[in-house]
């Protein structure tokens, strides 16, 4: 088993006033050659958007883009005529494919929005752009992992699908237990991002917003030290 450990305070940071963004991997003005991604995971941004502010219309191409709100609501508008608000418990996926444009805005006058945005490289270039959004039953992630995103050809339960052999899951775990996470392939790795709490993996103690990448194994043992919310991103390593 191989691992790479990323403390929360080692992430890149951008503070634009209206936006505070923490970058797990090189992004925009944050460039770190040793952190260009994890396997097919290219971007993991932890964004906080101030009230009545947001991202103007901008383009994407040939990328699978997943947005997960953690607090607040984010309004979305794109060139495929989708106009939706994304709220806590929902997940949004976009296949940029041949190209799309979109904007994201915090309509609240008082509350910040905190959301994660992930970019995963697709298996196939030039696909038709697509958009999907879904509300998940959060009770199904209590002391177990709930799969939010899965591959198109191996769709799991109610998961949204993307053009990559990747799986994104989230779980809320009570303290004083051990959880086993099983990967779907020996060719995959998993990037475990601790949203809240404290856990131990491979003798590494992770606190809120710490992360660990693991590969060359099919099972990971997670010791839950405090009540914890865990995000797992399983991707091909090549």
C-alpha atoms as a PDB file:
ATOM      1  CA  UNK A   1       0.000   0.000   0.000  1.00  0.00           C
ATOM      2  CA  UNK A   2       1.273   3.448  -0.923  1.00  0.00           C
ATOM      3  CA  UNK A   3       0.078   6.681   0.665  1.00  0.00           C
ATOM      4  CA  UNK A   4       0.413  10.439   0.374  1.00  0.00           C
ATOM      5  CA  UNK A   5      -0.667  12.651   3.263  1.00  0.00           C
ATOM      6  CA  UNK A   6      -1.959  16.211   2.810  1.00  0.00           C
ATOM      7  CA  UNK A   7      -2.577  18.400   5.851  1.00  0.00           C
ATOM      8  CA  UNK A   8      -5.356  20.973   5.533  1.00  0.00           C
ATOM      9  CA  UNK A   9      -2.935  23.860   5.985  1.00  0.00           C
ATOM     10  CA  UNK A  10      -0.745  22.613   3.122  1.00  0.00           C
ATOM     11  CA  UNK A  11      -3.435  23.358   0.539  1.00  0.00           C
ATOM     12  CA  UNK A  12      -3.158  26.290  -1.820  1.00  0.00           C
ATOM     13  CA  UNK A  13      -5.283  29.278  -0.841  1.00  0.00           C
ATOM     14  CA  UNK A  14      -6.840  32.143  -2.772  1.00  0.00           C
ATOM     15  CA  UNK A  15      -8.662  35.026  -1.084  1.00  0.00           C
ATOM     16  CA  UNK A  16     -10.502  37.291  -3.515  1.00  0.00           C
ATOM     17  CA  UNK A  17     -12.714  38.887  -0.877  1.00  0.00           C
ATOM     18  CA  UNK A  18     -15.932  37.551  -2.358  1.00  0.00           C
ATOM     19  CA  UNK A  19     -14.371  34.076  -2.648  1.00  0.00           C
ATOM     20  CA  UNK A  20     -12.080  32.075  -0.412  1.00  0.00           C
ATOM     21  CA  UNK A  21     -10.830  28.926  -2.102  1.00  0.00           C
ATOM     22  CA  UNK A  22      -8.625  26.138  -0.816  1.00  0.00           C
ATOM     23  CA  UNK A  23      -6.949  23.996  -3.483  1.00  0.00           C
ATOM     24  CA  UNK A  24      -5.918  20.422  -2.734  1.00  0.00           C
ATOM     25  CA  UNK A  25      -4.126  20.358  -6.100  1.00  0.00           C
ATOM     26  CA  UNK A  26      -2.510  22.939  -8.379  1.00  0.00           C
ATOM     27  CA  UNK A  27      -5.166  25.333  -9.638  1.00  0.00           C
ATOM     28  CA  UNK A  28      -5.201  28.879 -11.076  1.00  0.00           C
ATOM     29  CA  UNK A  29      -2.391  30.856  -9.394  1.00  0.00           C
ATOM     30  CA  UNK A  30      -1.502  28.000  -7.036  1.00  0.00           C
ATOM     31  CA  UNK A  31       1.122  25.802  -8.685  1.00  0.00           C
ATOM     32  CA  UNK A  32       2.883  22.973  -6.897  1.00  0.00           C
ATOM     33  CA  UNK A  33       4.525  20.381  -9.210  1.00  0.00           C
ATOM     34  CA  UNK A  34       4.143  17.633  -6.595  1.00  0.00           C
ATOM     35  CA  UNK A  35       0.389  18.265  -6.390  1.00  0.00           C
ATOM     36  CA  UNK A  36      -0.935  18.114  -9.945  1.00  0.00           C
ATOM     37  CA  UNK A  37      -3.698  15.687  -9.020  1.00  0.00           C
ATOM     38  CA  UNK A  38      -4.268  12.180  -7.736  1.00  0.00           C
ATOM     39  CA  UNK A  39      -4.675   9.635 -10.524  1.00  0.00           C
ATOM     40  CA  UNK A  40      -7.546  10.865 -12.702  1.00  0.00           C
ATOM     41  CA  UNK A  41      -8.652  13.372 -10.028  1.00  0.00           C
ATOM     42  CA  UNK A  42      -7.360  16.734 -11.193  1.00  0.00           C
ATOM     43  CA  UNK A  43      -9.076  19.318  -8.934  1.00  0.00           C
ATOM     44  CA  UNK A  44     -10.557  19.367  -5.444  1.00  0.00           C
ATOM     45  CA  UNK A  45     -11.489  22.906  -4.447  1.00  0.00           C
ATOM     46  CA  UNK A  46     -13.105  23.865  -1.139  1.00  0.00           C
ATOM     47  CA  UNK A  47     -14.870  27.164  -1.950  1.00  0.00           C
ATOM     48  CA  UNK A  48     -16.606  29.728   0.273  1.00  0.00           C
ATOM     49  CA  UNK A  49     -18.670  32.315  -1.633  1.00  0.00           C
ATOM     50  CA  UNK A  50     -19.900  35.480   0.083  1.00  0.00           C
ATOM     51  CA  UNK A  51     -23.586  36.586  -0.060  1.00  0.00           C
ATOM     52  CA  UNK A  52     -24.774  38.059  -3.365  1.00  0.00           C
ATOM     53  CA  UNK A  53     -21.517  37.079  -5.099  1.00  0.00           C
ATOM     54  CA  UNK A  54     -20.465  34.344  -7.484  1.00  0.00           C
ATOM     55  CA  UNK A  55     -18.586  33.091 -10.527  1.00  0.00           C
ATOM     56  CA  UNK A  56     -19.386  34.782 -13.826  1.00  0.00           C
ATOM     57  CA  UNK A  57     -19.997  32.792 -16.998  1.00  0.00           C
ATOM     58  CA  UNK A  58     -16.912  30.774 -17.914  1.00  0.00           C
ATOM     59  CA  UNK A  59     -16.147  27.813 -20.202  1.00  0.00           C
ATOM     60  CA  UNK A  60     -15.109  24.193 -19.618  1.00  0.00           C
ATOM     61  CA  UNK A  61     -14.177  21.408 -21.999  1.00  0.00           C
ATOM     62  CA  UNK A  62     -13.403  17.681 -21.681  1.00  0.00           C
ATOM     63  CA  UNK A  63     -13.790  17.414 -17.924  1.00  0.00           C
ATOM     64  CA  UNK A  64     -16.210  15.688 -15.528  1.00  0.00           C
ATOM     65  CA  UNK A  65     -17.211  18.359 -12.977  1.00  0.00           C
ATOM     66  CA  UNK A  66     -18.885  17.458  -9.691  1.00  0.00           C
ATOM     67  CA  UNK A  67     -20.220  20.038  -7.200  1.00  0.00           C
ATOM     68  CA  UNK A  68     -21.201  19.145  -3.623  1.00  0.00           C
ATOM     69  CA  UNK A  69     -22.719  21.895  -1.406  1.00  0.00           C
ATOM     70  CA  UNK A  70     -21.755  21.701   2.269  1.00  0.00           C
ATOM     71  CA  UNK A  71     -23.705  24.754   3.467  1.00  0.00           C
ATOM     72  CA  UNK A  72     -25.969  27.318   1.821  1.00  0.00           C
ATOM     73  CA  UNK A  73     -27.393  27.193  -1.707  1.00  0.00           C
ATOM     74  CA  UNK A  74     -25.668  27.885  -5.009  1.00  0.00           C
ATOM     75  CA  UNK A  75     -27.570  29.039  -8.104  1.00  0.00           C
ATOM     76  CA  UNK A  76     -26.452  27.493 -11.389  1.00  0.00           C
ATOM     77  CA  UNK A  77     -26.988  28.621 -14.976  1.00  0.00           C
ATOM     78  CA  UNK A  78     -25.420  27.101 -18.091  1.00  0.00           C
ATOM     79  CA  UNK A  79     -25.373  27.094 -21.881  1.00  0.00           C
ATOM     80  CA  UNK A  80     -27.606  23.977 -21.922  1.00  0.00           C
ATOM     81  CA  UNK A  81     -30.464  26.108 -20.516  1.00  0.00           C
ATOM     82  CA  UNK A  82     -30.256  24.631 -17.033  1.00  0.00           C
ATOM     83  CA  UNK A  83     -31.211  27.093 -14.294  1.00  0.00           C
ATOM     84  CA  UNK A  84     -31.188  25.450 -10.876  1.00  0.00           C
ATOM     85  CA  UNK A  85     -30.233  26.010  -7.263  1.00  0.00           C
ATOM     86  CA  UNK A  86     -28.001  23.388  -5.654  1.00  0.00           C
ATOM     87  CA  UNK A  87     -28.602  22.840  -1.938  1.00  0.00           C
ATOM     88  CA  UNK A  88     -27.117  20.729   0.860  1.00  0.00           C
ATOM     89  CA  UNK A  89     -27.821  17.047   0.233  1.00  0.00           C
ATOM     90  CA  UNK A  90     -27.753  17.532  -3.528  1.00  0.00           C
ATOM     91  CA  UNK A  91     -24.958  16.713  -5.952  1.00  0.00           C
ATOM     92  CA  UNK A  92     -24.456  18.162  -9.418  1.00  0.00           C
ATOM     93  CA  UNK A  93     -22.512  16.560 -12.264  1.00  0.00           C
ATOM     94  CA  UNK A  94     -21.574  18.098 -15.600  1.00  0.00           C
ATOM     95  CA  UNK A  95     -19.798  16.430 -18.482  1.00  0.00           C
ATOM     96  CA  UNK A  96     -18.169  19.359 -20.254  1.00  0.00           C
ATOM     97  CA  UNK A  97     -17.239  17.261 -23.283  1.00  0.00           C
ATOM     98  CA  UNK A  98     -17.105  19.318 -26.471  1.00  0.00           C
ATOM     99  CA  UNK A  99     -17.660  22.483 -24.447  1.00  0.00           C
ATOM    100  CA  UNK A 100     -20.117  24.333 -22.226  1.00  0.00           C
ATOM    101  CA  UNK A 101     -20.362  27.576 -20.283  1.00  0.00           C
ATOM    102  CA  UNK A 102     -21.830  28.092 -16.843  1.00  0.00           C
ATOM    103  CA  UNK A 103     -22.061  30.488 -13.904  1.00  0.00           C
ATOM    104  CA  UNK A 104     -22.555  29.946 -10.166  1.00  0.00           C
ATOM    105  CA  UNK A 105     -23.967  32.508  -7.755  1.00  0.00           C
ATOM    106  CA  UNK A 106     -24.877  32.843  -4.087  1.00  0.00           C
ATOM    107  CA  UNK A 107     -28.305  34.467  -4.075  1.00  0.00           C
ATOM    108  CA  UNK A 108     -28.483  34.795  -0.279  1.00  0.00           C
ATOM    109  CA  UNK A 109     -28.238  38.282   1.191  1.00  0.00           C
ATOM    110  CA  UNK A 110     -26.862  36.989   4.510  1.00  0.00           C
ATOM    111  CA  UNK A 111     -25.362  33.478   4.273  1.00  0.00           C
ATOM    112  CA  UNK A 112     -22.117  32.196   2.803  1.00  0.00           C
ATOM    113  CA  UNK A 113     -22.082  29.169   0.505  1.00  0.00           C
ATOM    114  CA  UNK A 114     -19.480  26.463   1.063  1.00  0.00           C
ATOM    115  CA  UNK A 115     -19.177  23.853  -1.653  1.00  0.00           C
ATOM    116  CA  UNK A 116     -16.679  21.373  -3.045  1.00  0.00           C
ATOM    117  CA  UNK A 117     -15.914  21.271  -6.740  1.00  0.00           C
ATOM    118  CA  UNK A 118     -14.112  18.260  -8.193  1.00  0.00           C
ATOM    119  CA  UNK A 119     -12.710  17.840 -11.685  1.00  0.00           C
ATOM    120  CA  UNK A 120     -12.092  14.309 -12.936  1.00  0.00           C
ATOM    121  CA  UNK A 121     -10.480  13.602 -16.291  1.00  0.00           C
ATOM    122  CA  UNK A 122     -12.883  11.672 -18.583  1.00  0.00           C
ATOM    123  CA  UNK A 123     -12.236   8.325 -20.255  1.00  0.00           C
ATOM    124  CA  UNK A 124     -13.361   9.737 -23.584  1.00  0.00           C
ATOM    125  CA  UNK A 125     -12.788  13.162 -25.104  1.00  0.00           C
ATOM    126  CA  UNK A 126     -15.389  15.119 -27.048  1.00  0.00           C
ATOM    127  CA  UNK A 127     -18.570  13.652 -25.566  1.00  0.00           C
ATOM    128  CA  UNK A 128     -21.870  15.507 -25.770  1.00  0.00           C
ATOM    129  CA  UNK A 129     -22.164  17.924 -22.828  1.00  0.00           C
ATOM    130  CA  UNK A 130     -24.645  16.856 -20.166  1.00  0.00           C
ATOM    131  CA  UNK A 131     -25.984  18.022 -16.805  1.00  0.00           C
ATOM    132  CA  UNK A 132     -27.588  16.125 -13.941  1.00  0.00           C
ATOM    133  CA  UNK A 133     -28.509  17.028 -10.378  1.00  0.00           C
ATOM    134  CA  UNK A 134     -29.989  14.952  -7.597  1.00  0.00           C
ATOM    135  CA  UNK A 135     -31.096  15.177  -3.968  1.00  0.00           C
ATOM    136  CA  UNK A 136     -29.783  12.275  -1.864  1.00  0.00           C
ATOM    137  CA  UNK A 137     -31.367  10.800   1.250  1.00  0.00           C
ATOM    138  CA  UNK A 138     -28.761  11.770   3.848  1.00  0.00           C
ATOM    139  CA  UNK A 139     -30.013   9.173   6.326  1.00  0.00           C
ATOM    140  CA  UNK A 140     -28.454   6.523   4.053  1.00  0.00           C
ATOM    141  CA  UNK A 141     -24.938   7.739   4.903  1.00  0.00           C
ATOM    142  CA  UNK A 142     -25.195   7.183   8.664  1.00  0.00           C
ATOM    143  CA  UNK A 143     -22.335   4.856   9.684  1.00  0.00           C
ATOM    144  CA  UNK A 144     -21.918   3.736   6.098  1.00  0.00           C
ATOM    145  CA  UNK A 145     -20.724   5.113   2.779  1.00  0.00           C
ATOM    146  CA  UNK A 146     -23.365   6.405   0.374  1.00  0.00           C
ATOM    147  CA  UNK A 147     -22.252   6.368  -3.280  1.00  0.00           C
ATOM    148  CA  UNK A 148     -22.964   9.721  -4.935  1.00  0.00           C
ATOM    149  CA  UNK A 149     -21.195   9.240  -8.275  1.00  0.00           C
ATOM    150  CA  UNK A 150     -20.296   6.085 -10.193  1.00  0.00           C
ATOM    151  CA  UNK A 151     -19.196   5.116 -13.731  1.00  0.00           C
ATOM    152  CA  UNK A 152     -21.720   5.178 -16.550  1.00  0.00           C
ATOM    153  CA  UNK A 153     -21.218   1.455 -17.175  1.00  0.00           C
ATOM    154  CA  UNK A 154     -21.317   0.374 -13.534  1.00  0.00           C
ATOM    155  CA  UNK A 155     -24.033   2.520 -12.029  1.00  0.00           C
ATOM    156  CA  UNK A 156     -24.593   1.851  -8.314  1.00  0.00           C
ATOM    157  CA  UNK A 157     -27.982   2.276  -6.644  1.00  0.00           C
ATOM    158  CA  UNK A 158     -29.129   5.882  -7.064  1.00  0.00           C
ATOM    159  CA  UNK A 159     -25.711   7.344  -7.908  1.00  0.00           C
ATOM    160  CA  UNK A 160     -25.209   9.936 -10.620  1.00  0.00           C
ATOM    161  CA  UNK A 161     -22.922   8.804 -13.439  1.00  0.00           C
ATOM    162  CA  UNK A 162     -19.867  10.252 -15.157  1.00  0.00           C
ATOM    163  CA  UNK A 163     -17.623   9.341 -18.096  1.00  0.00           C
ATOM    164  CA  UNK A 164     -14.900   7.764 -15.953  1.00  0.00           C
ATOM    165  CA  UNK A 165     -14.367   4.616 -13.897  1.00  0.00           C
ATOM    166  CA  UNK A 166     -14.596   6.647 -10.704  1.00  0.00           C
ATOM    167  CA  UNK A 167     -16.675   6.547  -7.527  1.00  0.00           C
ATOM    168  CA  UNK A 168     -17.448   9.326  -5.055  1.00  0.00           C
ATOM    169  CA  UNK A 169     -18.959   8.471  -1.684  1.00  0.00           C
ATOM    170  CA  UNK A 170     -19.718  10.195   1.592  1.00  0.00           C
ATOM    171  CA  UNK A 171     -20.361   8.834   5.057  1.00  0.00           C
ATOM    172  CA  UNK A 172     -21.174  10.149   8.542  1.00  0.00           C
ATOM    173  CA  UNK A 173     -19.630   7.937  11.210  1.00  0.00           C
ATOM    174  CA  UNK A 174     -19.978   7.862  14.980  1.00  0.00           C
ATOM    175  CA  UNK A 175     -16.848   7.695  17.124  1.00  0.00           C
ATOM    176  CA  UNK A 176     -15.202   4.549  18.492  1.00  0.00           C
ATOM    177  CA  UNK A 177     -15.584   2.215  15.551  1.00  0.00           C
ATOM    178  CA  UNK A 178     -13.491   0.842  12.703  1.00  0.00           C
ATOM    179  CA  UNK A 179     -14.698   1.086   9.120  1.00  0.00           C
ATOM    180  CA  UNK A 180     -13.374  -0.867   6.144  1.00  0.00           C
ATOM    181  CA  UNK A 181     -13.418   0.866   2.759  1.00  0.00           C
ATOM    182  CA  UNK A 182     -13.123  -1.483  -0.242  1.00  0.00           C
ATOM    183  CA  UNK A 183     -11.899  -0.252  -3.635  1.00  0.00           C
ATOM    184  CA  UNK A 184     -13.522  -1.514  -6.817  1.00  0.00           C
ATOM    185  CA  UNK A 185     -10.264  -2.294  -8.643  1.00  0.00           C
ATOM    186  CA  UNK A 186      -6.593  -2.948  -7.920  1.00  0.00           C
ATOM    187  CA  UNK A 187      -5.869  -0.299 -10.582  1.00  0.00           C
ATOM    188  CA  UNK A 188      -7.617   2.363  -8.516  1.00  0.00           C
ATOM    189  CA  UNK A 189      -6.582   4.616  -5.684  1.00  0.00           C
ATOM    190  CA  UNK A 190      -8.745   6.501  -3.209  1.00  0.00           C
ATOM    191  CA  UNK A 191      -8.348  10.082  -2.024  1.00  0.00           C
ATOM    192  CA  UNK A 192      -9.949  10.356   1.411  1.00  0.00           C
ATOM    193  CA  UNK A 193     -10.896  13.917   2.387  1.00  0.00           C
ATOM    194  CA  UNK A 194     -12.048  14.431   5.974  1.00  0.00           C
ATOM    195  CA  UNK A 195     -14.829  17.011   6.005  1.00  0.00           C
ATOM    196  CA  UNK A 196     -15.246  16.972   9.791  1.00  0.00           C
ATOM    197  CA  UNK A 197     -13.919  15.042  12.767  1.00  0.00           C
ATOM    198  CA  UNK A 198     -10.858  12.923  13.466  1.00  0.00           C
ATOM    199  CA  UNK A 199      -9.829   9.573  11.999  1.00  0.00           C
ATOM    200  CA  UNK A 200      -6.699   7.408  11.790  1.00  0.00           C
ATOM    201  CA  UNK A 201      -5.540   5.673   8.596  1.00  0.00           C
ATOM    202  CA  UNK A 202      -2.218   3.853   8.264  1.00  0.00           C
ATOM    203  CA  UNK A 203      -0.901   5.512  11.451  1.00  0.00           C
ATOM    204  CA  UNK A 204      -1.793   8.984  10.122  1.00  0.00           C
ATOM    205  CA  UNK A 205      -4.171  11.012  12.265  1.00  0.00           C
ATOM    206  CA  UNK A 206      -6.455  13.156  10.089  1.00  0.00           C
ATOM    207  CA  UNK A 207      -8.319  16.181  11.416  1.00  0.00           C
ATOM    208  CA  UNK A 208     -10.921  18.357   9.647  1.00  0.00           C
ATOM    209  CA  UNK A 209      -9.970  19.017   5.987  1.00  0.00           C
ATOM    210  CA  UNK A 210      -6.887  16.778   6.097  1.00  0.00           C
ATOM    211  CA  UNK A 211      -6.612  14.191   3.314  1.00  0.00           C
ATOM    212  CA  UNK A 212      -4.758  11.022   2.420  1.00  0.00           C
ATOM    213  CA  UNK A 213      -4.310   9.364  -0.963  1.00  0.00           C
ATOM    214  CA  UNK A 214      -3.968   5.571  -0.956  1.00  0.00           C
ATOM    215  CA  UNK A 215      -3.219   3.125  -3.763  1.00  0.00           C
ATOM    216  CA  UNK A 216      -1.866  -0.362  -4.460  1.00  0.00           C
ATOM    217  CA  UNK A 217      -4.377  -1.897  -2.066  1.00  0.00           C
ATOM    218  CA  UNK A 218      -8.016  -2.978  -2.253  1.00  0.00           C
ATOM    219  CA  UNK A 219      -9.046  -2.238   1.309  1.00  0.00           C
ATOM    220  CA  UNK A 220      -8.468   0.627   3.705  1.00  0.00           C
ATOM    221  CA  UNK A 221      -9.083   0.439   7.446  1.00  0.00           C
ATOM    222  CA  UNK A 222     -10.390   3.674   8.972  1.00  0.00           C
ATOM    223  CA  UNK A 223     -10.429   4.156  12.739  1.00  0.00           C
ATOM    224  CA  UNK A 224     -13.052   6.716  13.771  1.00  0.00           C
ATOM    225  CA  UNK A 225     -11.809   8.726  16.762  1.00  0.00           C
ATOM    226  CA  UNK A 226     -14.482  11.454  16.772  1.00  0.00           C
ATOM    227  CA  UNK A 227     -17.828  11.757  15.013  1.00  0.00           C
ATOM    228  CA  UNK A 228     -16.661  12.242  11.427  1.00  0.00           C
ATOM    229  CA  UNK A 229     -17.882  13.115   7.953  1.00  0.00           C
ATOM    230  CA  UNK A 230     -15.739  11.458   5.288  1.00  0.00           C
ATOM    231  CA  UNK A 231     -15.587  11.998   1.515  1.00  0.00           C
ATOM    232  CA  UNK A 232     -13.936   9.303  -0.632  1.00  0.00           C
ATOM    233  CA  UNK A 233     -12.899   9.815  -4.247  1.00  0.00           C
ATOM    234  CA  UNK A 234     -11.891   6.563  -5.945  1.00  0.00           C
ATOM    235  CA  UNK A 235     -10.237   6.971  -9.350  1.00  0.00           C
ATOM    236  CA  UNK A 236      -8.025   5.058 -11.789  1.00  0.00           C
ATOM    237  CA  UNK A 237      -4.384   5.818 -11.081  1.00  0.00           C
ATOM    238  CA  UNK A 238      -3.433   5.772 -14.798  1.00  0.00           C
END
